[in-house]
Amino acid sequence: MRWLPLIAVLLSLAVAGCTTTRPTAYAVDTKGPYQLDTGDVVRVTVYGDAELSKSYKVDDKGAVAFPLVGPVPVRGGTTEDAAQRLARALANGYMRNPDVAVEIDQYRPFFIQGEIKTAGQFPYVYGMTVRAAISTAGGYTETADRGRAVVYRRQGDEMVKGAVELDFPIAPGDTIVVQERWF
């Protein structure tokens, strides 16, 4: 009977040695309306004025340089927010009751690095997953971990890191890192 506690401790150590630890995965937010940021190109339609209706790039300060009114901040807002801001700016002495619509013309790019054939920046396509991003970058190298990747995403003023599966949806501006597998 004296050996029973010792055997129990040894068995629990053996079982504990069989468990694996995975790196901590952090939740990466995928919900909510799309927020404009630097690098996005928006198509602005001002009804009744073909001269102002065209595509504009969101600059480094998060603004659209709009004729007549100058830079209009749009970073962090939705396309609806941008349309309202542009309409207010035009209504401030330039047009009576401007009707403005804003839609995404081109999303900002995503970035991919690590154990893939062609690292760099690539154009984002709506609905893209990690798997599609890896294919866009030419596929894996021979030493790549083919089961998951790490996604870095800006949320507010913070950069969030998450270990994700291959069918995880990415967003414009994300950085994807495909790590090396360990045998």
C-alpha atoms as a PDB file:
ATOM      1  CA  MET A   1       0.000   0.000   0.000  1.00  0.00           C
ATOM      2  CA  ARG A   2       2.943   2.335   0.503  1.00  0.00           C
ATOM      3  CA  TRP A   3       3.679   2.116  -3.210  1.00  0.00           C
ATOM      4  CA  LEU A   4       0.195   3.188  -4.332  1.00  0.00           C
ATOM      5  CA  PRO A   5       0.783   6.970  -3.905  1.00  0.00           C
ATOM      6  CA  LEU A   6       4.145   6.696  -5.652  1.00  0.00           C
ATOM      7  CA  ILE A   7       2.617   4.795  -8.583  1.00  0.00           C
ATOM      8  CA  ALA A   8      -0.177   7.387  -8.842  1.00  0.00           C
ATOM      9  CA  VAL A   9       2.373  10.237  -9.019  1.00  0.00           C
ATOM     10  CA  LEU A  10       4.450   8.432 -11.651  1.00  0.00           C
ATOM     11  CA  LEU A  11       1.365   7.716 -13.797  1.00  0.00           C
ATOM     12  CA  SER A  12       0.225  11.349 -13.607  1.00  0.00           C
ATOM     13  CA  LEU A  13       3.704  12.521 -14.679  1.00  0.00           C
ATOM     14  CA  ALA A  14       3.669  10.091 -17.599  1.00  0.00           C
ATOM     15  CA  VAL A  15       0.239  11.308 -18.729  1.00  0.00           C
ATOM     16  CA  ALA A  16       1.292  14.943 -18.336  1.00  0.00           C
ATOM     17  CA  GLY A  17       4.296  14.255 -20.567  1.00  0.00           C
ATOM     18  CA  CYS A  18       1.957  13.111 -23.357  1.00  0.00           C
ATOM     19  CA  THR A  19       0.101  16.416 -23.577  1.00  0.00           C
ATOM     20  CA  THR A  20       1.138  18.993 -26.112  1.00  0.00           C
ATOM     21  CA  THR A  21       1.150  22.713 -25.782  1.00  0.00           C
ATOM     22  CA  ARG A  22       0.135  24.925 -28.657  1.00  0.00           C
ATOM     23  CA  PRO A  23       1.021  28.576 -28.953  1.00  0.00           C
ATOM     24  CA  THR A  24      -1.615  30.880 -27.565  1.00  0.00           C
ATOM     25  CA  ALA A  25      -4.084  32.019 -30.191  1.00  0.00           C
ATOM     26  CA  TYR A  26      -5.672  35.431 -29.824  1.00  0.00           C
ATOM     27  CA  ALA A  27      -9.091  36.254 -31.170  1.00  0.00           C
ATOM     28  CA  VAL A  28      -8.913  38.235 -34.387  1.00  0.00           C
ATOM     29  CA  ASP A  29     -12.030  40.306 -34.993  1.00  0.00           C
ATOM     30  CA  THR A  30     -13.721  39.546 -38.311  1.00  0.00           C
ATOM     31  CA  LYS A  31     -17.087  41.185 -37.696  1.00  0.00           C
ATOM     32  CA  GLY A  32     -18.437  44.639 -38.227  1.00  0.00           C
ATOM     33  CA  PRO A  33     -18.596  46.984 -41.185  1.00  0.00           C
ATOM     34  CA  TYR A  34     -15.484  47.591 -43.249  1.00  0.00           C
ATOM     35  CA  GLN A  35     -13.484  50.579 -42.035  1.00  0.00           C
ATOM     36  CA  LEU A  36     -11.567  52.737 -44.477  1.00  0.00           C
ATOM     37  CA  ASP A  37      -7.849  53.271 -44.020  1.00  0.00           C
ATOM     38  CA  THR A  38      -4.696  54.371 -45.839  1.00  0.00           C
ATOM     39  CA  GLY A  39      -4.267  52.628 -49.187  1.00  0.00           C
ATOM     40  CA  ASP A  40      -7.957  52.108 -49.928  1.00  0.00           C
ATOM     41  CA  VAL A  41      -9.306  53.607 -53.138  1.00  0.00           C
ATOM     42  CA  VAL A  42     -12.902  54.804 -53.002  1.00  0.00           C
ATOM     43  CA  ARG A  43     -15.225  55.592 -55.890  1.00  0.00           C
ATOM     44  CA  VAL A  44     -17.153  58.774 -55.120  1.00  0.00           C
ATOM     45  CA  THR A  45     -20.301  59.604 -57.050  1.00  0.00           C
ATOM     46  CA  VAL A  46     -21.696  63.110 -56.718  1.00  0.00           C
ATOM     47  CA  TYR A  47     -25.059  62.996 -58.462  1.00  0.00           C
ATOM     48  CA  GLY A  48     -25.392  65.837 -60.965  1.00  0.00           C
ATOM     49  CA  ASP A  49     -21.640  66.558 -61.107  1.00  0.00           C
ATOM     50  CA  ALA A  50     -19.618  64.254 -63.359  1.00  0.00           C
ATOM     51  CA  GLU A  51     -16.438  66.293 -62.750  1.00  0.00           C
ATOM     52  CA  LEU A  52     -16.318  65.334 -59.064  1.00  0.00           C
ATOM     53  CA  SER A  53     -17.421  61.726 -59.603  1.00  0.00           C
ATOM     54  CA  LYS A  54     -14.292  59.586 -59.784  1.00  0.00           C
ATOM     55  CA  SER A  55     -11.939  57.411 -57.702  1.00  0.00           C
ATOM     56  CA  TYR A  56      -9.864  58.850 -54.860  1.00  0.00           C
ATOM     57  CA  LYS A  57      -7.126  57.235 -52.774  1.00  0.00           C
ATOM     58  CA  VAL A  58      -7.123  57.471 -48.981  1.00  0.00           C
ATOM     59  CA  ASP A  59      -3.806  59.170 -48.165  1.00  0.00           C
ATOM     60  CA  ASP A  60      -1.312  58.565 -45.339  1.00  0.00           C
ATOM     61  CA  LYS A  61      -3.236  60.908 -43.061  1.00  0.00           C
ATOM     62  CA  GLY A  62      -6.460  58.947 -43.627  1.00  0.00           C
ATOM     63  CA  ALA A  63      -8.108  61.597 -45.767  1.00  0.00           C
ATOM     64  CA  VAL A  64      -9.445  61.915 -49.310  1.00  0.00           C
ATOM     65  CA  ALA A  65      -8.163  64.972 -51.198  1.00  0.00           C
ATOM     66  CA  PHE A  66     -11.452  66.137 -52.674  1.00  0.00           C
ATOM     67  CA  PRO A  67     -11.720  69.014 -55.192  1.00  0.00           C
ATOM     68  CA  LEU A  68     -13.207  72.268 -53.903  1.00  0.00           C
ATOM     69  CA  VAL A  69     -13.197  71.239 -50.227  1.00  0.00           C
ATOM     70  CA  GLY A  70      -9.675  69.850 -49.733  1.00  0.00           C
ATOM     71  CA  PRO A  71      -8.792  66.862 -47.545  1.00  0.00           C
ATOM     72  CA  VAL A  72     -11.769  65.129 -45.911  1.00  0.00           C
ATOM     73  CA  PRO A  73     -10.878  62.651 -43.124  1.00  0.00           C
ATOM     74  CA  VAL A  74     -12.346  59.167 -43.703  1.00  0.00           C
ATOM     75  CA  ARG A  75     -10.005  56.799 -41.782  1.00  0.00           C
ATOM     76  CA  GLY A  76     -11.853  54.515 -39.400  1.00  0.00           C
ATOM     77  CA  GLY A  77     -15.230  55.288 -40.932  1.00  0.00           C
ATOM     78  CA  THR A  78     -17.448  53.266 -43.239  1.00  0.00           C
ATOM     79  CA  THR A  79     -18.314  54.193 -46.813  1.00  0.00           C
ATOM     80  CA  GLU A  80     -21.586  55.651 -45.477  1.00  0.00           C
ATOM     81  CA  ASP A  81     -19.650  57.834 -43.030  1.00  0.00           C
ATOM     82  CA  ALA A  82     -17.369  59.007 -45.846  1.00  0.00           C
ATOM     83  CA  ALA A  83     -20.370  59.890 -48.049  1.00  0.00           C
ATOM     84  CA  GLN A  84     -21.915  61.951 -45.230  1.00  0.00           C
ATOM     85  CA  ARG A  85     -18.636  63.768 -44.525  1.00  0.00           C
ATOM     86  CA  LEU A  86     -18.138  64.588 -48.210  1.00  0.00           C
ATOM     87  CA  ALA A  87     -21.759  65.769 -48.558  1.00  0.00           C
ATOM     88  CA  ARG A  88     -21.394  68.035 -45.497  1.00  0.00           C
ATOM     89  CA  ALA A  89     -18.151  69.473 -46.878  1.00  0.00           C
ATOM     90  CA  LEU A  90     -19.780  70.163 -50.272  1.00  0.00           C
ATOM     91  CA  ALA A  91     -22.867  71.663 -48.616  1.00  0.00           C
ATOM     92  CA  ASN A  92     -20.632  74.128 -46.790  1.00  0.00           C
ATOM     93  CA  GLY A  93     -20.788  76.765 -49.539  1.00  0.00           C
ATOM     94  CA  TYR A  94     -20.258  74.728 -52.726  1.00  0.00           C
ATOM     95  CA  MET A  95     -23.462  72.816 -53.525  1.00  0.00           C
ATOM     96  CA  ARG A  96     -27.069  72.847 -52.412  1.00  0.00           C
ATOM     97  CA  ASN A  97     -28.224  69.465 -51.085  1.00  0.00           C
ATOM     98  CA  PRO A  98     -25.364  67.355 -52.487  1.00  0.00           C
ATOM     99  CA  ASP A  99     -26.190  63.679 -52.988  1.00  0.00           C
ATOM    100  CA  VAL A 100     -22.983  61.688 -52.512  1.00  0.00           C
ATOM    101  CA  ALA A 101     -22.349  57.938 -52.639  1.00  0.00           C
ATOM    102  CA  VAL A 102     -19.067  56.230 -51.733  1.00  0.00           C
ATOM    103  CA  GLU A 103     -18.060  52.641 -52.462  1.00  0.00           C
ATOM    104  CA  ILE A 104     -14.825  50.675 -52.354  1.00  0.00           C
ATOM    105  CA  ASP A 105     -13.047  50.738 -55.698  1.00  0.00           C
ATOM    106  CA  GLN A 106      -9.905  48.940 -54.545  1.00  0.00           C
ATOM    107  CA  TYR A 107      -9.055  47.525 -51.119  1.00  0.00           C
ATOM    108  CA  ARG A 108      -5.701  48.200 -49.503  1.00  0.00           C
ATOM    109  CA  PRO A 109      -3.259  45.308 -50.012  1.00  0.00           C
ATOM    110  CA  PHE A 110      -2.427  42.458 -47.649  1.00  0.00           C
ATOM    111  CA  PHE A 111       1.101  41.314 -46.848  1.00  0.00           C
ATOM    112  CA  ILE A 112       2.477  37.794 -46.651  1.00  0.00           C
ATOM    113  CA  GLN A 113       5.870  36.511 -45.541  1.00  0.00           C
ATOM    114  CA  GLY A 114       7.632  33.456 -44.221  1.00  0.00           C
ATOM    115  CA  GLU A 115       7.745  30.013 -45.792  1.00  0.00           C
ATOM    116  CA  ILE A 116       6.033  30.891 -49.082  1.00  0.00           C
ATOM    117  CA  LYS A 117       7.524  31.232 -52.552  1.00  0.00           C
ATOM    118  CA  THR A 118       6.936  34.959 -53.115  1.00  0.00           C
ATOM    119  CA  ALA A 119       6.730  37.216 -50.082  1.00  0.00           C
ATOM    120  CA  GLY A 120       5.413  40.738 -50.420  1.00  0.00           C
ATOM    121  CA  GLN A 121       2.306  42.842 -50.823  1.00  0.00           C
ATOM    122  CA  PHE A 122      -0.631  41.674 -52.923  1.00  0.00           C
ATOM    123  CA  PRO A 123      -4.027  43.095 -53.880  1.00  0.00           C
ATOM    124  CA  TYR A 124      -6.851  42.022 -51.585  1.00  0.00           C
ATOM    125  CA  VAL A 125      -9.979  40.416 -53.053  1.00  0.00           C
ATOM    126  CA  TYR A 126     -13.183  40.467 -51.015  1.00  0.00           C
ATOM    127  CA  GLY A 127     -13.775  37.205 -49.141  1.00  0.00           C
ATOM    128  CA  MET A 128     -10.130  36.084 -49.318  1.00  0.00           C
ATOM    129  CA  THR A 129      -8.868  33.432 -46.892  1.00  0.00           C
ATOM    130  CA  VAL A 130      -5.372  32.555 -45.669  1.00  0.00           C
ATOM    131  CA  ARG A 131      -5.376  29.632 -48.132  1.00  0.00           C
ATOM    132  CA  ALA A 132      -6.159  31.968 -51.059  1.00  0.00           C
ATOM    133  CA  ALA A 133      -3.471  34.414 -49.921  1.00  0.00           C
ATOM    134  CA  ILE A 134      -0.878  31.634 -49.863  1.00  0.00           C
ATOM    135  CA  SER A 135      -1.907  30.618 -53.390  1.00  0.00           C
ATOM    136  CA  THR A 136      -1.630  34.238 -54.527  1.00  0.00           C
ATOM    137  CA  ALA A 137       1.924  34.294 -53.165  1.00  0.00           C
ATOM    138  CA  GLY A 138       2.937  31.238 -55.200  1.00  0.00           C
ATOM    139  CA  GLY A 139       2.329  28.522 -52.613  1.00  0.00           C
ATOM    140  CA  TYR A 140       4.446  26.995 -49.877  1.00  0.00           C
ATOM    141  CA  THR A 141       8.144  26.314 -49.681  1.00  0.00           C
ATOM    142  CA  GLU A 142       9.255  22.768 -48.853  1.00  0.00           C
ATOM    143  CA  THR A 143       9.712  23.554 -45.154  1.00  0.00           C
ATOM    144  CA  ALA A 144       6.401  25.370 -44.541  1.00  0.00           C
ATOM    145  CA  ASP A 145       3.892  24.501 -41.829  1.00  0.00           C
ATOM    146  CA  ARG A 146       0.953  23.680 -44.096  1.00  0.00           C
ATOM    147  CA  GLY A 147      -1.707  23.485 -41.406  1.00  0.00           C
ATOM    148  CA  ARG A 148      -1.942  27.032 -40.092  1.00  0.00           C
ATOM    149  CA  ALA A 149      -0.507  30.529 -40.171  1.00  0.00           C
ATOM    150  CA  VAL A 150      -0.221  33.618 -37.992  1.00  0.00           C
ATOM    151  CA  VAL A 151      -2.252  36.706 -38.864  1.00  0.00           C
ATOM    152  CA  TYR A 152      -1.365  40.195 -37.622  1.00  0.00           C
ATOM    153  CA  ARG A 153      -4.246  42.676 -37.764  1.00  0.00           C
ATOM    154  CA  ARG A 154      -4.559  46.252 -36.575  1.00  0.00           C
ATOM    155  CA  GLN A 155      -7.510  46.783 -34.250  1.00  0.00           C
ATOM    156  CA  GLY A 156      -7.722  50.400 -33.228  1.00  0.00           C
ATOM    157  CA  ASP A 157      -4.310  51.449 -31.951  1.00  0.00           C
ATOM    158  CA  GLU A 158      -3.143  47.878 -31.297  1.00  0.00           C
ATOM    159  CA  MET A 159      -1.695  45.130 -33.459  1.00  0.00           C
ATOM    160  CA  VAL A 160      -3.356  41.800 -32.685  1.00  0.00           C
ATOM    161  CA  LYS A 161      -1.684  38.461 -33.414  1.00  0.00           C
ATOM    162  CA  GLY A 162      -3.557  35.199 -33.897  1.00  0.00           C
ATOM    163  CA  ALA A 163      -2.688  31.650 -34.917  1.00  0.00           C
ATOM    164  CA  VAL A 164      -5.356  30.682 -37.444  1.00  0.00           C
ATOM    165  CA  GLU A 165      -6.425  27.822 -39.692  1.00  0.00           C
ATOM    166  CA  LEU A 166      -6.117  28.075 -43.488  1.00  0.00           C
ATOM    167  CA  ASP A 167      -9.793  28.895 -44.103  1.00  0.00           C
ATOM    168  CA  PHE A 168      -9.691  31.933 -41.806  1.00  0.00           C
ATOM    169  CA  PRO A 169     -10.932  35.080 -43.604  1.00  0.00           C
ATOM    170  CA  ILE A 170      -8.321  37.793 -43.941  1.00  0.00           C
ATOM    171  CA  ALA A 171      -8.912  41.524 -44.220  1.00  0.00           C
ATOM    172  CA  PRO A 172      -7.185  44.274 -46.179  1.00  0.00           C
ATOM    173  CA  GLY A 173      -4.014  45.387 -44.425  1.00  0.00           C
ATOM    174  CA  ASP A 174      -3.454  42.026 -42.689  1.00  0.00           C
ATOM    175  CA  THR A 175       0.031  40.542 -42.501  1.00  0.00           C
ATOM    176  CA  ILE A 176       0.167  36.759 -42.823  1.00  0.00           C
ATOM    177  CA  VAL A 177       3.199  34.804 -41.640  1.00  0.00           C
ATOM    178  CA  VAL A 178       3.608  31.182 -42.717  1.00  0.00           C
ATOM    179  CA  GLN A 179       5.973  29.554 -40.282  1.00  0.00           C
ATOM    180  CA  GLU A 180       8.484  26.775 -40.735  1.00  0.00           C
ATOM    181  CA  ARG A 181       7.376  23.327 -39.651  1.00  0.00           C
ATOM    182  CA  TRP A 182       9.313  21.484 -37.009  1.00  0.00           C
ATOM    183  CA  PHE A 183       9.673  17.747 -37.321  1.00  0.00           C
END
